[in-house]
Amino acid sequence: MKPTLPAKLLQTLAPWRNAPAWHIAFSGGLDSTVLLHLLANLASTETLPPLSAIHVHHGLQAAADAWPNHCQTVCDSLGVPLRVMRVQVQLGASLERAAREARYQAFTEVTGVGEVLLTGQHRDDQAETLLFRLLRGAGVRGLAAMPVHRPLADGHLVRPLLDVSCAELEAYAREHQLAWIEDPSNADPRFSRNYLRHRVFPTLTQRWPQAVASLARTAEHLSEAQGLLDELAIMDLRAADQPSPFPWLALPSLALAPLRELSDARQRNALRHWLRHLTRLPDSDHWAGWYSLRDAKGDAQPLWCLADGQLHRCGERLWWLPATWSEFSDAPVSWPSPQNPLELPGNGQLKFIGKAPEGLLSVRYRQGGEIIEVPGRGRRDLKRLLNEGGLPGFVRGRLPLLYQGEQLLAVPSLAGLWATPSDDWQLDWMPQTCDQGLS
């Protein structure tokens, strides 16, 4: 016997029954109205986390100004608290994408630790997503379409209706005499998804009545395939995740040699998995940058520019530098109270271990030609010392240099790469980390 819609929903949501809260993304449309009604009814007979509804007001059309009142009326009738969030949509090439990004930013703000945000996408939406991405030339991850669950902020995003058809939702809404909003923009065929919904799918289903269910099932198969690719990537990355020779440099990095041993396809798969939390990924036409970086001569320092940063190669190691890495000031900084740590603008913190030297101190950055006194070795060229230590080139311009007047007194000890000028103190630098905005 086919399970009822409430039973199917409870089964899907079983892993999150002990969450601190469930938030329902409530647009007022058919799918979210049915989801809200189902959950409110279930809460009267089942022990569920506290329910609340979130309505995001984009302000993109005049008709939308009346929707918060409608949503409030529905929520009041069901005894569910409602929060209305007004967002600013950054207009660009794709209004659909910009509105979605603004909406999910709002969802991120309201989803606390361990909490769940529930959205009402259904099987027809899944089929549309697959076809839309197929036409854009997406890879396996994109064609896996929408997952039932993914992380959101410190909580979870769950789509519990992905196995439910739009027809089932409409039947439920009619049975319970629900009222919902019909967004006028949903009929505009200029939007790609609307074109698929109103022009393409009616033709497909006339010839293949099971087209929507078949496409949704294909998305499930592709999701399983992507899971296997992720497992392979984790295995391949485990070999490349070797300790960095610069543990004080808190940037994501990988050893290149283990990646070289893989086929080109496995290299791309591993790097996609590693990079997807760091940047928007390149399409298939832009992977030439990876091959150029990988195959450059050993003494070169190539980089691959991506949407949200750069991948650098230094020797046989790859380093990820977020776009914000370059956002620091190389202007000199005075250090009037060296007994206290010095915050370097966009460049972490500098401090003394031991008693600081006397006199007026300042911090500057490399200009070239610097000479420093090294105990036991005399006056040495700083560039040569950096070469001997193998310090990555992208760090050298950020290396804080301690001056006393016009004399270069010290550079940070950098985990013992070179001797300090005094047994009484060391200069310790903690570069800005990913946790401070570099990811």
Protein backbone atom coordinates (compact mmCIF):
# COMPACT_ATOMS: atom_id res chain seq x y z
CA MET A 1 0.00 0.00 0.00
CA LYS A 2 1.34 3.41 -0.98
CA PRO A 3 2.23 5.53 2.10
CA THR A 4 0.23 8.69 2.66
CA LEU A 5 1.85 12.07 2.12
CA PRO A 6 2.19 12.76 5.90
CA ALA A 7 3.74 9.31 6.46
CA LYS A 8 6.16 9.81 3.57
CA LEU A 9 7.16 13.22 4.96
CA LEU A 10 7.77 11.84 8.45
CA GLN A 11 9.92 9.05 7.06
CA THR A 12 12.04 11.49 5.06
CA LEU A 13 12.50 13.80 8.05
CA ALA A 14 13.32 11.03 10.54
CA PRO A 15 17.08 11.84 10.70
CA TRP A 16 16.31 15.39 11.88
CA ARG A 17 13.57 14.71 14.43
CA ASN A 18 15.90 15.77 17.29
CA ALA A 19 17.04 19.05 15.71
CA PRO A 20 16.72 22.18 17.88
CA ALA A 21 14.29 23.78 15.39
CA TRP A 22 12.66 23.36 11.99
CA HIS A 23 12.30 26.48 9.83
CA ILE A 24 10.00 26.31 6.79
CA ALA A 25 10.90 28.46 3.80
CA PHE A 26 7.40 29.84 3.14
CA SER A 27 6.90 31.72 -0.12
CA GLY A 28 3.12 31.32 0.05
CA GLY A 29 3.11 29.25 -3.16
CA LEU A 30 1.61 25.80 -3.57
CA ASP A 31 4.56 23.65 -2.51
CA SER A 32 5.54 25.60 0.62
CA THR A 33 1.87 26.02 1.61
CA VAL A 34 1.36 22.25 1.49
CA LEU A 35 4.62 21.65 3.38
CA LEU A 36 3.66 24.11 6.11
CA HIS A 37 0.16 22.64 6.43
CA LEU A 38 1.51 19.08 6.61
CA LEU A 39 4.02 19.93 9.32
CA ALA A 40 1.60 22.01 11.37
CA ASN A 41 -0.90 19.13 11.34
CA LEU A 42 1.79 16.56 12.19
CA ALA A 43 2.96 18.71 15.11
CA SER A 44 -0.43 18.19 16.75
CA THR A 45 0.02 14.42 16.87
CA GLU A 46 3.80 13.92 16.71
CA THR A 47 6.68 15.24 18.80
CA LEU A 48 8.48 17.53 16.35
CA PRO A 49 11.09 20.26 16.84
CA PRO A 50 9.65 23.79 17.23
CA LEU A 51 8.26 25.01 13.90
CA SER A 52 8.60 28.49 12.42
CA ALA A 53 8.12 29.94 8.93
CA ILE A 54 10.43 32.28 7.00
CA HIS A 55 9.09 34.48 4.21
CA VAL A 56 11.71 36.23 2.08
CA HIS A 57 10.43 39.42 0.42
CA HIS A 58 12.55 40.22 -2.64
CA GLY A 59 10.74 43.43 -3.57
CA LEU A 60 11.03 42.70 -7.29
CA GLN A 61 7.37 43.17 -8.25
CA ALA A 62 4.46 45.19 -6.93
CA ALA A 63 2.27 42.12 -6.41
CA ALA A 64 4.76 40.78 -3.85
CA ASP A 65 3.94 43.56 -1.37
CA ALA A 66 0.71 41.75 -0.46
CA TRP A 67 2.33 38.36 0.07
CA PRO A 68 3.68 38.88 3.62
CA ASN A 69 0.13 39.61 4.83
CA HIS A 70 -1.18 36.48 3.14
CA CYS A 71 1.62 34.42 4.69
CA GLN A 72 0.91 35.93 8.11
CA THR A 73 -2.77 34.98 7.82
CA VAL A 74 -1.90 31.39 6.90
CA CYS A 75 0.65 31.07 9.71
CA ASP A 76 -1.77 32.56 12.28
CA SER A 77 -4.42 30.04 11.30
CA LEU A 78 -1.94 27.18 11.81
CA GLY A 79 -0.35 28.56 14.96
CA VAL A 80 3.11 28.80 13.38
CA PRO A 81 5.26 31.91 14.03
CA LEU A 82 6.34 33.78 10.90
CA ARG A 83 9.43 35.90 10.24
CA VAL A 84 9.42 38.17 7.19
CA MET A 85 12.88 39.02 5.84
CA ARG A 86 13.35 41.76 3.26
CA VAL A 87 16.37 41.38 1.01
CA GLN A 88 18.15 43.43 -1.63
CA VAL A 89 18.61 41.54 -4.91
CA GLN A 90 21.84 42.43 -6.72
CA LEU A 91 20.67 42.77 -10.29
CA GLY A 92 22.93 41.17 -12.87
CA ALA A 93 22.88 38.91 -15.91
CA SER A 94 20.53 36.40 -14.25
CA LEU A 95 17.68 37.76 -12.14
CA GLU A 96 16.73 34.19 -11.16
CA ARG A 97 20.19 33.49 -9.81
CA ALA A 98 20.49 36.82 -8.02
CA ALA A 99 17.13 36.34 -6.29
CA ARG A 100 18.09 32.81 -5.29
CA GLU A 101 21.42 33.97 -3.81
CA ALA A 102 19.68 36.71 -1.80
CA ARG A 103 17.09 34.23 -0.58
CA TYR A 104 19.64 31.65 0.56
CA GLN A 105 21.72 34.32 2.25
CA ALA A 106 18.62 35.12 4.34
CA PHE A 107 18.14 31.42 5.09
CA THR A 108 21.76 31.18 6.22
CA GLU A 109 21.19 34.00 8.71
CA VAL A 110 18.24 32.28 10.42
CA THR A 111 19.60 28.72 10.53
CA GLY A 112 21.33 28.16 13.86
CA VAL A 113 23.61 25.35 14.99
CA GLY A 114 21.99 21.99 14.21
CA GLU A 115 18.77 23.63 13.03
CA VAL A 116 16.98 22.59 9.84
CA LEU A 117 15.66 24.76 7.01
CA LEU A 118 12.93 22.94 5.05
CA THR A 119 12.10 23.90 1.47
CA GLY A 120 9.24 22.69 -0.71
CA GLN A 121 10.89 21.70 -4.00
CA HIS A 122 9.20 18.63 -5.47
CA ARG A 123 9.79 15.97 -8.11
CA ASP A 124 8.79 18.24 -11.02
CA ASP A 125 11.29 20.86 -9.81
CA GLN A 126 13.96 18.16 -9.74
CA ALA A 127 13.22 17.15 -13.33
CA GLU A 128 13.33 20.80 -14.43
CA THR A 129 16.65 21.30 -12.67
CA LEU A 130 18.19 18.28 -14.35
CA LEU A 131 17.07 19.32 -17.84
CA PHE A 132 18.07 22.95 -17.25
CA ARG A 133 21.57 21.96 -16.16
CA LEU A 134 21.90 19.38 -18.92
CA LEU A 135 21.25 22.14 -21.47
CA ARG A 136 23.96 24.24 -19.80
CA GLY A 137 26.50 21.42 -20.12
CA ALA A 138 26.82 20.68 -16.41
CA GLY A 139 29.00 17.85 -15.10
CA VAL A 140 27.93 14.92 -12.94
CA ARG A 141 27.65 16.99 -9.77
CA GLY A 142 25.39 19.52 -11.50
CA LEU A 143 23.28 16.81 -13.13
CA ALA A 144 22.75 15.16 -9.75
CA ALA A 145 20.45 18.18 -9.37
CA MET A 146 19.12 19.00 -5.91
CA PRO A 147 20.13 16.78 -2.99
CA VAL A 148 17.58 15.91 -0.32
CA HIS A 149 20.02 17.24 2.26
CA ARG A 150 23.05 19.50 2.32
CA PRO A 151 24.76 21.62 4.97
CA LEU A 152 23.53 25.20 5.44
CA ALA A 153 25.49 27.54 7.71
CA ASP A 154 25.89 25.53 10.94
CA GLY A 155 22.72 23.55 10.27
CA HIS A 156 20.99 21.67 7.48
CA LEU A 157 18.96 22.36 4.35
CA VAL A 158 16.42 19.58 3.73
CA ARG A 159 14.07 19.15 0.78
CA PRO A 160 11.59 16.54 2.05
CA LEU A 161 9.21 16.64 -0.95
CA LEU A 162 11.65 15.74 -3.75
CA ASP A 163 9.96 12.34 -4.13
CA VAL A 164 6.48 13.93 -4.34
CA SER A 165 4.93 15.06 -7.63
CA CYS A 166 3.34 18.45 -8.17
CA ALA A 167 0.04 16.65 -8.90
CA GLU A 168 0.12 15.04 -5.43
CA LEU A 169 0.66 18.45 -3.84
CA GLU A 170 -2.22 19.96 -5.81
CA ALA A 171 -4.50 17.09 -4.78
CA TYR A 172 -3.60 17.58 -1.12
CA ALA A 173 -4.19 21.34 -1.38
CA ARG A 174 -7.64 20.84 -2.95
CA GLU A 175 -8.60 18.20 -0.38
CA HIS A 176 -7.76 20.57 2.48
CA GLN A 177 -9.09 23.69 0.71
CA LEU A 178 -5.77 25.52 0.97
CA ALA A 179 -5.26 28.97 -0.55
CA TRP A 180 -1.90 29.84 -2.07
CA ILE A 181 -0.19 32.59 -4.02
CA GLU A 182 0.26 32.37 -7.79
CA ASP A 183 3.40 34.35 -8.56
CA PRO A 184 2.78 36.22 -11.86
CA SER A 185 6.46 35.90 -12.78
CA ASN A 186 6.09 32.10 -12.86
CA ALA A 187 4.17 32.45 -16.12
CA ASP A 188 6.86 34.57 -17.84
CA PRO A 189 8.58 32.34 -20.45
CA ARG A 190 11.56 34.70 -20.59
CA PHE A 191 12.81 32.94 -17.47
CA SER A 192 14.49 29.67 -18.42
CA ARG A 193 12.76 27.48 -15.86
CA ASN A 194 9.35 28.87 -16.80
CA TYR A 195 10.08 28.15 -20.45
CA LEU A 196 10.90 24.54 -19.60
CA ARG A 197 7.84 24.24 -17.35
CA HIS A 198 5.27 25.73 -19.73
CA ARG A 199 6.69 25.03 -23.20
CA VAL A 200 9.02 22.03 -23.03
CA PHE A 201 7.62 19.69 -20.41
CA PRO A 202 4.05 19.63 -21.77
CA THR A 203 5.48 18.47 -25.11
CA LEU A 204 7.73 15.88 -23.46
CA THR A 205 5.01 14.41 -21.28
CA GLN A 206 2.58 14.25 -24.19
CA ARG A 207 4.99 11.85 -25.91
CA TRP A 208 6.50 10.29 -22.75
CA PRO A 209 3.98 10.51 -19.87
CA GLN A 210 6.60 9.33 -17.34
CA ALA A 211 9.19 11.92 -18.41
CA VAL A 212 9.16 13.85 -15.11
CA ALA A 213 9.49 10.73 -12.96
CA SER A 214 12.19 9.31 -15.27
CA LEU A 215 14.26 12.52 -15.18
CA ALA A 216 13.97 12.71 -11.40
CA ARG A 217 15.11 9.08 -11.19
CA THR A 218 18.05 9.88 -13.47
CA ALA A 219 19.03 12.66 -11.06
CA GLU A 220 19.07 10.05 -8.27
CA HIS A 221 21.37 7.80 -10.33
CA LEU A 222 23.70 10.70 -11.03
CA SER A 223 23.70 11.64 -7.37
CA GLU A 224 24.84 8.11 -6.55
CA ALA A 225 27.54 8.33 -9.23
CA GLN A 226 28.72 11.64 -7.79
CA GLY A 227 28.93 10.01 -4.36
CA LEU A 228 31.28 7.38 -5.79
CA LEU A 229 33.38 10.08 -7.46
CA ASP A 230 33.60 11.89 -4.13
CA GLU A 231 34.80 8.70 -2.43
CA LEU A 232 37.48 8.30 -5.11
CA ALA A 233 38.52 11.93 -4.70
CA ILE A 234 38.87 11.51 -0.93
CA MET A 235 41.11 8.48 -1.48
CA ASP A 236 43.27 10.37 -3.99
CA LEU A 237 43.48 13.49 -1.85
CA ARG A 238 44.52 11.48 1.20
CA ALA A 239 47.80 10.68 -0.55
CA ALA A 240 48.32 14.35 -1.50
CA ASP A 241 47.40 15.72 1.93
CA GLN A 242 50.98 15.61 3.24
CA PRO A 243 52.20 17.93 6.03
CA SER A 244 53.29 21.33 4.81
CA PRO A 245 56.94 22.32 5.32
CA PHE A 246 55.54 25.63 6.61
CA PRO A 247 53.01 24.67 9.31
CA TRP A 248 52.72 28.30 10.42
CA LEU A 249 51.27 29.19 7.00
CA ALA A 250 47.58 28.36 7.51
CA LEU A 251 46.52 28.07 3.88
CA PRO A 252 45.07 24.98 2.14
CA SER A 253 47.81 23.11 0.29
CA LEU A 254 48.54 19.76 -1.35
CA ALA A 255 51.62 17.82 -2.42
CA LEU A 256 51.75 17.72 -6.21
CA ALA A 257 53.66 14.44 -6.72
CA PRO A 258 50.78 12.08 -5.70
CA LEU A 259 48.42 13.95 -8.04
CA ARG A 260 50.85 13.57 -10.95
CA GLU A 261 50.53 9.77 -10.65
CA LEU A 262 46.80 9.92 -11.42
CA SER A 263 45.13 10.07 -14.81
CA ASP A 264 44.04 13.50 -15.99
CA ALA A 265 40.40 12.65 -15.23
CA ARG A 266 41.22 11.59 -11.66
CA GLN A 267 43.32 14.73 -11.18
CA ARG A 268 40.37 16.89 -12.21
CA ASN A 269 38.02 14.89 -10.00
CA ALA A 270 40.28 15.26 -6.95
CA LEU A 271 40.83 18.97 -7.52
CA ARG A 272 37.13 19.64 -8.04
CA HIS A 273 36.42 17.99 -4.71
CA TRP A 274 39.19 19.94 -2.97
CA LEU A 275 38.38 23.30 -4.55
CA ARG A 276 34.58 23.25 -4.34
CA HIS A 277 34.59 24.58 -0.77
CA LEU A 278 37.08 27.28 -1.72
CA THR A 279 35.88 28.70 -5.03
CA ARG A 280 33.37 28.46 -7.83
CA LEU A 281 34.71 25.78 -10.15
CA PRO A 282 35.82 26.31 -13.74
CA ASP A 283 33.92 24.75 -16.61
CA SER A 284 35.56 22.12 -18.77
CA ASP A 285 37.00 24.71 -21.19
CA HIS A 286 39.13 26.35 -18.49
CA TRP A 287 41.11 23.41 -17.15
CA ALA A 288 44.04 24.30 -19.43
CA GLY A 289 45.18 26.54 -16.56
CA TRP A 290 45.62 23.47 -14.38
CA TYR A 291 47.75 21.66 -16.96
CA SER A 292 49.94 24.74 -17.44
CA LEU A 293 50.47 25.00 -13.69
CA ARG A 294 51.12 21.26 -13.29
CA ASP A 295 53.57 21.00 -16.20
CA ALA A 296 55.58 24.18 -15.60
CA LYS A 297 59.31 23.80 -14.94
CA GLY A 298 60.37 23.07 -11.38
CA ASP A 299 61.92 26.49 -10.78
CA ALA A 300 58.84 28.32 -12.10
CA GLN A 301 56.15 29.69 -9.80
CA PRO A 302 53.02 29.41 -11.96
CA LEU A 303 49.51 30.23 -10.81
CA TRP A 304 45.99 29.38 -11.97
CA CYS A 305 43.46 32.19 -11.58
CA LEU A 306 39.99 31.02 -10.52
CA ALA A 307 36.80 32.84 -9.63
CA ASP A 308 37.52 33.37 -5.92
CA GLY A 309 41.29 33.19 -5.70
CA GLN A 310 44.41 31.62 -7.14
CA LEU A 311 46.06 28.23 -7.08
CA HIS A 312 49.85 28.65 -6.78
CA ARG A 313 52.55 26.08 -7.31
CA CYS A 314 55.79 26.48 -5.38
CA GLY A 315 58.20 23.68 -6.13
CA GLU A 316 56.21 20.49 -5.76
CA ARG A 317 53.39 21.92 -3.64
CA LEU A 318 50.05 23.52 -4.49
CA TRP A 319 48.74 26.42 -2.38
CA TRP A 320 45.29 27.99 -2.41
CA LEU A 321 45.27 31.79 -2.01
CA PRO A 322 41.81 33.35 -1.59
CA ALA A 323 41.14 36.63 -3.38
CA THR A 324 41.41 38.47 -0.05
CA TRP A 325 45.04 37.33 0.37
CA SER A 326 46.22 40.38 -1.59
CA GLU A 327 44.16 42.78 0.52
CA PHE A 328 46.87 44.01 2.84
CA SER A 329 48.80 47.25 3.17
CA ASP A 330 52.57 47.20 2.66
CA ALA A 331 52.95 50.68 4.22
CA PRO A 332 55.49 50.89 7.10
CA VAL A 333 54.01 50.43 10.58
CA SER A 334 55.55 51.88 13.74
CA TRP A 335 55.70 49.70 16.85
CA PRO A 336 55.65 52.08 19.82
CA SER A 337 54.84 49.41 22.43
CA PRO A 338 56.75 46.24 21.45
CA GLN A 339 55.77 44.55 24.71
CA ASN A 340 52.32 44.17 23.07
CA PRO A 341 51.55 42.22 19.86
CA LEU A 342 51.37 44.34 16.70
CA GLU A 343 48.34 43.89 14.43
CA LEU A 344 49.48 44.19 10.82
CA PRO A 345 46.75 45.48 8.46
CA GLY A 346 45.47 42.41 6.59
CA ASN A 347 48.62 40.49 7.49
CA GLY A 348 48.11 38.83 10.84
CA GLN A 349 50.00 39.55 14.04
CA LEU A 350 53.63 40.11 15.03
CA LYS A 351 54.98 39.67 18.55
CA PHE A 352 58.18 39.17 20.51
CA ILE A 353 58.97 35.99 22.38
CA GLY A 354 61.22 37.17 25.19
CA LYS A 355 62.32 40.72 25.96
CA ALA A 356 61.95 43.13 23.05
CA PRO A 357 65.04 45.14 21.98
CA GLU A 358 65.33 48.77 23.06
CA GLY A 359 64.87 51.69 20.71
CA LEU A 360 62.37 52.91 18.12
CA LEU A 361 61.05 49.94 16.16
CA SER A 362 59.03 49.73 12.96
CA VAL A 363 57.88 47.10 10.48
CA ARG A 364 58.43 47.39 6.75
CA TYR A 365 58.12 45.09 3.76
CA ARG A 366 60.64 43.98 1.16
CA GLN A 367 61.83 46.42 -1.45
CA GLY A 368 64.78 44.31 -2.66
CA GLY A 369 68.48 44.36 -1.79
CA GLU A 370 68.00 43.92 2.00
CA ILE A 371 71.04 42.75 3.98
CA ILE A 372 70.78 41.25 7.46
CA GLU A 373 73.30 40.20 10.10
CA VAL A 374 73.05 36.43 10.74
CA PRO A 375 74.79 35.11 13.88
CA GLY A 376 77.76 32.97 12.89
CA ARG A 377 77.39 33.80 9.19
CA GLY A 378 77.94 37.54 9.00
CA ARG A 379 76.01 39.91 6.74
CA ARG A 380 73.79 37.97 4.36
CA ASP A 381 71.54 38.82 1.45
CA LEU A 382 67.90 38.36 2.54
CA LYS A 383 66.81 37.12 -0.89
CA ARG A 384 69.39 34.33 -0.74
CA LEU A 385 68.29 33.35 2.76
CA LEU A 386 64.68 33.14 1.56
CA ASN A 387 65.75 30.98 -1.38
CA GLU A 388 67.69 28.67 0.93
CA GLY A 389 64.63 28.29 3.15
CA GLY A 390 62.38 27.58 0.16
CA LEU A 391 59.84 30.16 1.33
CA PRO A 392 56.93 30.31 -1.19
CA GLY A 393 57.16 33.35 -3.43
CA PHE A 394 53.65 34.57 -2.61
CA VAL A 395 54.66 34.95 1.06
CA ARG A 396 57.83 36.94 0.51
CA GLY A 397 56.13 40.25 -0.24
CA ARG A 398 54.13 39.92 3.00
CA LEU A 399 57.09 38.99 5.20
CA PRO A 400 57.28 41.61 7.98
CA LEU A 401 60.79 43.02 8.46
CA LEU A 402 61.77 44.55 11.81
CA TYR A 403 63.75 47.77 11.58
CA GLN A 404 65.52 49.80 14.26
CA GLY A 405 65.90 53.16 12.61
CA GLU A 406 67.31 52.30 9.19
CA GLN A 407 68.87 49.00 10.25
CA LEU A 408 67.17 45.74 9.31
CA LEU A 409 67.21 44.10 12.71
CA ALA A 410 65.31 40.86 12.22
CA VAL A 411 62.87 38.81 10.18
CA PRO A 412 60.44 36.37 11.82
CA SER A 413 62.01 33.13 13.01
CA LEU A 414 59.63 31.11 10.82
CA ALA A 415 59.93 27.82 12.70
CA GLY A 416 63.73 27.89 12.81
CA LEU A 417 64.45 28.45 9.13
CA TRP A 418 67.29 30.73 10.17
CA ALA A 419 68.96 31.88 13.36
CA THR A 420 67.59 34.78 15.40
CA PRO A 421 69.83 37.80 16.08
CA SER A 422 69.63 37.37 19.86
CA ASP A 423 69.30 34.61 22.43
CA ASP A 424 67.07 36.94 24.47
CA TRP A 425 64.19 37.22 22.00
CA GLN A 426 62.56 35.92 18.84
CA LEU A 427 60.29 37.69 16.38
CA ASP A 428 57.16 35.59 15.89
CA TRP A 429 54.72 36.17 13.00
CA MET A 430 51.28 34.61 12.76
CA PRO A 431 50.03 35.30 9.20
CA GLN A 432 46.35 35.92 8.59
CA THR A 433 44.50 32.59 8.45
CA CYS A 434 41.55 31.32 6.44
CA ASP A 435 39.45 31.69 9.58
CA GLN A 436 40.16 35.43 9.48
CA GLY A 437 38.50 35.83 6.12
CA LEU A 438 40.91 34.20 3.71
CA SER A 439 38.65 31.33 2.62
